[in-house]
Amino acid sequence: MVIAVPIGPDGQVGGAWGRAASVAIAHVAEGSVSSWTEHEVGWDAAHDQGGEGEHHARVVRFLREHDVTDIVAHHMGPGMARTVAAMGLRVHTPLDADAREAAQLLAASA
């Protein structure tokens, strides 16, 4: 399992998936997070540049490059939700607001 989590400036799960400035990639092994890497994606700045299709393509490339299987996010727009569903990715609403804790909770439940 590879989990993507948008990260807010305070280390909490970021508000909107498609407008994330940073996204963490958490690799899961044996029910726990085995690695955590944070990436500056700049989707907050890029969101309104070009068309919606361009932005979704940016996000899809990132997800594919990192072999993401699951996303933890508080909010995702309907277009992006359709896109990730078509990719076969699972989207989870976090119970915990801390990004690392939210990934760990998902890992433990897998």
N, C-alpha and C. Protein backbone atom coordinates (compact mmCIF):
# COMPACT_ATOMS: atom_id res chain seq x y z
N MET A 1 0.85 -1.17 0.00
CA MET A 1 0.00 0.00 0.00
C MET A 1 0.90 1.23 0.00
N VAL A 2 0.55 2.19 -0.84
CA VAL A 2 1.24 3.48 -0.88
C VAL A 2 0.18 4.55 -0.71
N ILE A 3 0.33 5.36 0.33
CA ILE A 3 -0.67 6.36 0.70
C ILE A 3 -0.16 7.76 0.37
N ALA A 4 -1.01 8.57 -0.25
CA ALA A 4 -0.71 9.99 -0.49
C ALA A 4 -1.56 10.81 0.46
N VAL A 5 -0.92 11.79 1.12
CA VAL A 5 -1.62 12.65 2.08
C VAL A 5 -1.22 14.10 1.82
N PRO A 6 -2.18 15.00 1.56
CA PRO A 6 -1.83 16.41 1.45
C PRO A 6 -1.46 16.93 2.84
N ILE A 7 -0.42 17.75 2.91
CA ILE A 7 0.06 18.24 4.19
C ILE A 7 -0.12 19.75 4.27
N GLY A 8 -0.77 20.20 5.33
CA GLY A 8 -0.89 21.63 5.58
C GLY A 8 0.38 22.15 6.21
N PRO A 9 0.52 23.46 6.32
CA PRO A 9 1.75 24.06 6.87
C PRO A 9 2.01 23.68 8.32
N ASP A 10 0.98 23.21 9.02
CA ASP A 10 1.13 22.84 10.42
C ASP A 10 1.32 21.33 10.63
N GLY A 11 1.50 20.58 9.53
CA GLY A 11 1.68 19.15 9.63
C GLY A 11 0.38 18.36 9.69
N GLN A 12 -0.73 19.07 9.61
CA GLN A 12 -2.04 18.43 9.62
C GLN A 12 -2.40 17.99 8.20
N VAL A 13 -3.41 17.14 8.07
CA VAL A 13 -3.90 16.78 6.74
C VAL A 13 -4.41 18.06 6.09
N GLY A 14 -3.92 18.36 4.91
CA GLY A 14 -4.30 19.59 4.22
C GLY A 14 -5.77 19.61 3.86
N GLY A 15 -6.29 20.80 3.63
CA GLY A 15 -7.72 20.98 3.39
C GLY A 15 -8.24 20.40 2.09
N ALA A 16 -7.74 20.83 0.96
CA ALA A 16 -8.26 20.39 -0.34
C ALA A 16 -7.18 19.66 -1.11
N TRP A 17 -7.47 18.45 -1.52
CA TRP A 17 -6.50 17.60 -2.21
C TRP A 17 -5.90 18.30 -3.44
N GLY A 18 -6.72 18.81 -4.34
CA GLY A 18 -6.23 19.39 -5.59
C GLY A 18 -5.54 20.73 -5.44
N ARG A 19 -5.56 21.30 -4.25
CA ARG A 19 -4.89 22.59 -4.00
C ARG A 19 -3.76 22.45 -2.99
N ALA A 20 -3.26 21.23 -2.83
CA ALA A 20 -2.18 20.99 -1.87
C ALA A 20 -0.88 21.64 -2.34
N ALA A 21 -0.15 22.20 -1.40
CA ALA A 21 1.19 22.70 -1.69
C ALA A 21 2.20 21.57 -1.55
N SER A 22 1.94 20.68 -0.58
CA SER A 22 2.83 19.55 -0.30
C SER A 22 2.00 18.28 -0.13
N VAL A 23 2.58 17.17 -0.57
CA VAL A 23 1.95 15.86 -0.42
C VAL A 23 2.99 14.89 0.11
N ALA A 24 2.60 14.12 1.11
CA ALA A 24 3.48 13.07 1.63
C ALA A 24 3.13 11.75 0.96
N ILE A 25 4.16 10.95 0.73
CA ILE A 25 3.98 9.59 0.24
C ILE A 25 4.44 8.67 1.37
N ALA A 26 3.51 7.83 1.83
CA ALA A 26 3.80 6.89 2.91
C ALA A 26 3.73 5.48 2.36
N HIS A 27 4.84 4.76 2.47
CA HIS A 27 4.86 3.34 2.09
C HIS A 27 4.52 2.53 3.33
N VAL A 28 3.68 1.52 3.13
CA VAL A 28 3.20 0.69 4.24
C VAL A 28 3.78 -0.71 4.11
N ALA A 29 4.27 -1.21 5.22
CA ALA A 29 4.74 -2.60 5.29
C ALA A 29 4.32 -3.17 6.64
N GLU A 30 3.75 -4.34 6.61
CA GLU A 30 3.36 -5.05 7.83
C GLU A 30 2.51 -4.20 8.78
N GLY A 31 1.57 -3.45 8.20
CA GLY A 31 0.62 -2.70 9.02
C GLY A 31 1.12 -1.41 9.62
N SER A 32 2.28 -0.93 9.16
CA SER A 32 2.74 0.38 9.65
C SER A 32 3.44 1.13 8.54
N VAL A 33 3.60 2.43 8.73
CA VAL A 33 4.28 3.27 7.76
C VAL A 33 5.77 2.98 7.84
N SER A 34 6.33 2.49 6.73
CA SER A 34 7.76 2.13 6.71
C SER A 34 8.62 3.26 6.15
N SER A 35 8.03 4.16 5.37
CA SER A 35 8.77 5.34 4.90
C SER A 35 7.81 6.48 4.66
N TRP A 36 8.32 7.69 4.81
CA TRP A 36 7.52 8.92 4.69
C TRP A 36 8.37 9.94 3.95
N THR A 37 7.89 10.36 2.79
CA THR A 37 8.61 11.35 1.99
C THR A 37 7.67 12.48 1.65
N GLU A 38 8.09 13.71 1.89
CA GLU A 38 7.26 14.87 1.58
C GLU A 38 7.73 15.52 0.28
N HIS A 39 6.76 15.86 -0.56
CA HIS A 39 7.04 16.45 -1.88
C HIS A 39 6.33 17.80 -1.99
N GLU A 40 7.05 18.80 -2.44
CA GLU A 40 6.45 20.10 -2.73
C GLU A 40 5.84 19.99 -4.13
N VAL A 41 4.52 19.88 -4.21
CA VAL A 41 3.86 19.69 -5.50
C VAL A 41 3.37 21.00 -6.11
N GLY A 42 3.09 22.00 -5.31
CA GLY A 42 2.66 23.30 -5.80
C GLY A 42 1.31 23.32 -6.48
N TRP A 43 0.44 22.37 -6.14
CA TRP A 43 -0.87 22.33 -6.79
C TRP A 43 -1.72 23.53 -6.39
N ASP A 44 -1.42 24.14 -5.25
CA ASP A 44 -2.16 25.33 -4.83
C ASP A 44 -1.96 26.45 -5.85
N ALA A 45 -0.73 26.65 -6.29
CA ALA A 45 -0.42 27.71 -7.26
C ALA A 45 -0.83 27.30 -8.67
N ALA A 46 -0.69 26.02 -9.00
CA ALA A 46 -0.94 25.55 -10.36
C ALA A 46 -2.42 25.27 -10.64
N HIS A 47 -3.23 25.21 -9.60
CA HIS A 47 -4.63 24.80 -9.75
C HIS A 47 -5.37 25.59 -10.81
N ASP A 48 -5.22 26.88 -10.83
CA ASP A 48 -5.98 27.73 -11.74
C ASP A 48 -5.19 28.12 -12.99
N GLN A 49 -4.04 27.50 -13.20
CA GLN A 49 -3.26 27.75 -14.41
C GLN A 49 -3.62 26.71 -15.46
N GLY A 50 -4.05 27.15 -16.61
CA GLY A 50 -4.49 26.22 -17.64
C GLY A 50 -5.86 25.69 -17.32
N GLY A 51 -6.26 24.67 -18.02
CA GLY A 51 -7.59 24.09 -17.81
C GLY A 51 -7.60 23.04 -16.73
N GLU A 52 -8.81 22.62 -16.36
CA GLU A 52 -8.97 21.59 -15.34
C GLU A 52 -8.28 20.29 -15.76
N GLY A 53 -8.35 19.96 -17.05
CA GLY A 53 -7.72 18.75 -17.56
C GLY A 53 -6.21 18.76 -17.35
N GLU A 54 -5.59 19.92 -17.55
CA GLU A 54 -4.13 20.03 -17.33
C GLU A 54 -3.78 19.77 -15.88
N HIS A 55 -4.58 20.34 -14.99
CA HIS A 55 -4.31 20.17 -13.57
C HIS A 55 -4.51 18.71 -13.16
N HIS A 56 -5.58 18.10 -13.61
CA HIS A 56 -5.82 16.70 -13.28
C HIS A 56 -4.70 15.83 -13.82
N ALA A 57 -4.20 16.16 -15.01
CA ALA A 57 -3.09 15.39 -15.59
C ALA A 57 -1.83 15.49 -14.72
N ARG A 58 -1.58 16.67 -14.17
CA ARG A 58 -0.42 16.86 -13.25
C ARG A 58 -0.55 15.93 -12.05
N VAL A 59 -1.75 15.92 -11.47
CA VAL A 59 -2.00 15.11 -10.28
C VAL A 59 -1.88 13.63 -10.62
N VAL A 60 -2.46 13.22 -11.73
CA VAL A 60 -2.40 11.82 -12.16
C VAL A 60 -0.95 11.39 -12.37
N ARG A 61 -0.14 12.22 -13.02
CA ARG A 61 1.28 11.88 -13.21
C ARG A 61 1.96 11.63 -11.88
N PHE A 62 1.72 12.51 -10.92
CA PHE A 62 2.32 12.36 -9.59
C PHE A 62 1.89 11.04 -8.96
N LEU A 63 0.60 10.74 -9.00
CA LEU A 63 0.08 9.51 -8.40
C LEU A 63 0.69 8.28 -9.05
N ARG A 64 0.79 8.29 -10.36
CA ARG A 64 1.38 7.15 -11.08
C ARG A 64 2.87 7.02 -10.80
N GLU A 65 3.59 8.15 -10.80
CA GLU A 65 5.04 8.12 -10.53
C GLU A 65 5.36 7.50 -9.18
N HIS A 66 4.44 7.65 -8.23
CA HIS A 66 4.68 7.17 -6.87
C HIS A 66 3.89 5.89 -6.54
N ASP A 67 3.25 5.32 -7.55
CA ASP A 67 2.50 4.06 -7.37
C ASP A 67 1.48 4.13 -6.23
N VAL A 68 0.81 5.25 -6.10
CA VAL A 68 -0.16 5.46 -5.02
C VAL A 68 -1.35 4.52 -5.19
N THR A 69 -1.78 3.94 -4.08
CA THR A 69 -2.97 3.07 -4.06
C THR A 69 -4.11 3.69 -3.27
N ASP A 70 -3.77 4.57 -2.32
CA ASP A 70 -4.77 5.16 -1.42
C ASP A 70 -4.45 6.63 -1.21
N ILE A 71 -5.50 7.43 -1.03
CA ILE A 71 -5.36 8.86 -0.75
C ILE A 71 -6.13 9.16 0.53
N VAL A 72 -5.52 9.92 1.42
CA VAL A 72 -6.20 10.43 2.61
C VAL A 72 -6.41 11.92 2.38
N ALA A 73 -7.66 12.36 2.39
CA ALA A 73 -7.93 13.78 2.13
C ALA A 73 -9.25 14.19 2.76
N HIS A 74 -9.31 15.44 3.22
CA HIS A 74 -10.56 15.98 3.77
C HIS A 74 -11.54 16.33 2.67
N HIS A 75 -11.04 16.85 1.55
CA HIS A 75 -11.92 17.29 0.47
C HIS A 75 -11.28 17.02 -0.87
N MET A 76 -12.13 16.61 -1.81
CA MET A 76 -11.70 16.41 -3.19
C MET A 76 -12.88 16.80 -4.06
N GLY A 77 -12.64 17.64 -5.06
CA GLY A 77 -13.72 18.06 -5.95
C GLY A 77 -14.28 16.89 -6.74
N PRO A 78 -15.50 17.03 -7.26
CA PRO A 78 -16.14 15.92 -7.98
C PRO A 78 -15.36 15.44 -9.19
N GLY A 79 -14.75 16.36 -9.93
CA GLY A 79 -13.96 15.96 -11.11
C GLY A 79 -12.75 15.13 -10.72
N MET A 80 -12.06 15.56 -9.69
CA MET A 80 -10.88 14.82 -9.23
C MET A 80 -11.30 13.49 -8.63
N ALA A 81 -12.42 13.48 -7.91
CA ALA A 81 -12.92 12.23 -7.33
C ALA A 81 -13.21 11.21 -8.43
N ARG A 82 -13.80 11.65 -9.55
CA ARG A 82 -14.05 10.75 -10.68
C ARG A 82 -12.73 10.25 -11.27
N THR A 83 -11.77 11.15 -11.37
CA THR A 83 -10.47 10.78 -11.95
C THR A 83 -9.78 9.71 -11.12
N VAL A 84 -9.69 9.91 -9.82
CA VAL A 84 -8.99 8.92 -8.99
C VAL A 84 -9.79 7.62 -8.88
N ALA A 85 -11.11 7.71 -8.93
CA ALA A 85 -11.93 6.48 -8.92
C ALA A 85 -11.67 5.68 -10.20
N ALA A 86 -11.56 6.37 -11.33
CA ALA A 86 -11.28 5.70 -12.60
C ALA A 86 -9.90 5.04 -12.58
N MET A 87 -8.99 5.59 -11.77
CA MET A 87 -7.65 4.99 -11.62
C MET A 87 -7.67 3.80 -10.67
N GLY A 88 -8.79 3.59 -10.00
CA GLY A 88 -8.88 2.48 -9.06
C GLY A 88 -8.31 2.79 -7.69
N LEU A 89 -8.10 4.06 -7.39
CA LEU A 89 -7.54 4.45 -6.10
C LEU A 89 -8.64 4.57 -5.07
N ARG A 90 -8.30 4.27 -3.83
CA ARG A 90 -9.25 4.39 -2.72
C ARG A 90 -8.99 5.73 -2.02
N VAL A 91 -10.07 6.44 -1.71
CA VAL A 91 -9.97 7.72 -1.01
C VAL A 91 -10.57 7.56 0.39
N HIS A 92 -9.83 8.03 1.39
CA HIS A 92 -10.23 7.90 2.79
C HIS A 92 -10.31 9.27 3.43
N THR A 93 -11.33 9.51 4.20
CA THR A 93 -11.44 10.74 4.97
C THR A 93 -10.76 10.49 6.30
N PRO A 94 -9.81 11.34 6.67
CA PRO A 94 -9.05 11.08 7.90
C PRO A 94 -9.89 11.28 9.16
N LEU A 95 -9.67 10.40 10.12
CA LEU A 95 -10.28 10.57 11.43
C LEU A 95 -9.42 11.47 12.29
N ASP A 96 -8.13 11.47 12.02
CA ASP A 96 -7.17 12.25 12.79
C ASP A 96 -6.64 13.36 11.89
N ALA A 97 -6.41 14.52 12.42
CA ALA A 97 -5.98 15.65 11.61
C ALA A 97 -4.48 15.66 11.33
N ASP A 98 -3.65 15.00 12.17
CA ASP A 98 -2.21 14.96 11.93
C ASP A 98 -1.94 14.04 10.73
N ALA A 99 -1.20 14.53 9.74
CA ALA A 99 -0.99 13.79 8.50
C ALA A 99 -0.32 12.43 8.75
N ARG A 100 0.74 12.39 9.53
CA ARG A 100 1.43 11.12 9.80
C ARG A 100 0.53 10.15 10.56
N GLU A 101 -0.20 10.65 11.53
CA GLU A 101 -1.09 9.79 12.31
C GLU A 101 -2.22 9.25 11.43
N ALA A 102 -2.74 10.07 10.52
CA ALA A 102 -3.80 9.62 9.63
C ALA A 102 -3.30 8.49 8.74
N ALA A 103 -2.07 8.61 8.21
CA ALA A 103 -1.50 7.54 7.40
C ALA A 103 -1.28 6.29 8.22
N GLN A 104 -0.80 6.44 9.44
CA GLN A 104 -0.56 5.28 10.30
C GLN A 104 -1.86 4.56 10.64
N LEU A 105 -2.92 5.31 10.93
CA LEU A 105 -4.21 4.70 11.21
C LEU A 105 -4.72 3.90 10.02
N LEU A 106 -4.55 4.43 8.82
CA LEU A 106 -4.97 3.70 7.63
C LEU A 106 -4.10 2.46 7.44
N ALA A 107 -2.81 2.59 7.64
CA ALA A 107 -1.89 1.45 7.50
C ALA A 107 -2.27 0.34 8.47
N ALA A 108 -2.58 0.70 9.69
CA ALA A 108 -2.91 -0.30 10.71
C ALA A 108 -4.22 -1.02 10.41
N SER A 109 -5.11 -0.35 9.67
CA SER A 109 -6.41 -0.96 9.37
C SER A 109 -6.37 -1.82 8.11
N ALA A 110 -5.25 -1.76 7.39
CA ALA A 110 -5.15 -2.50 6.10
C ALA A 110 -4.94 -3.99 6.33
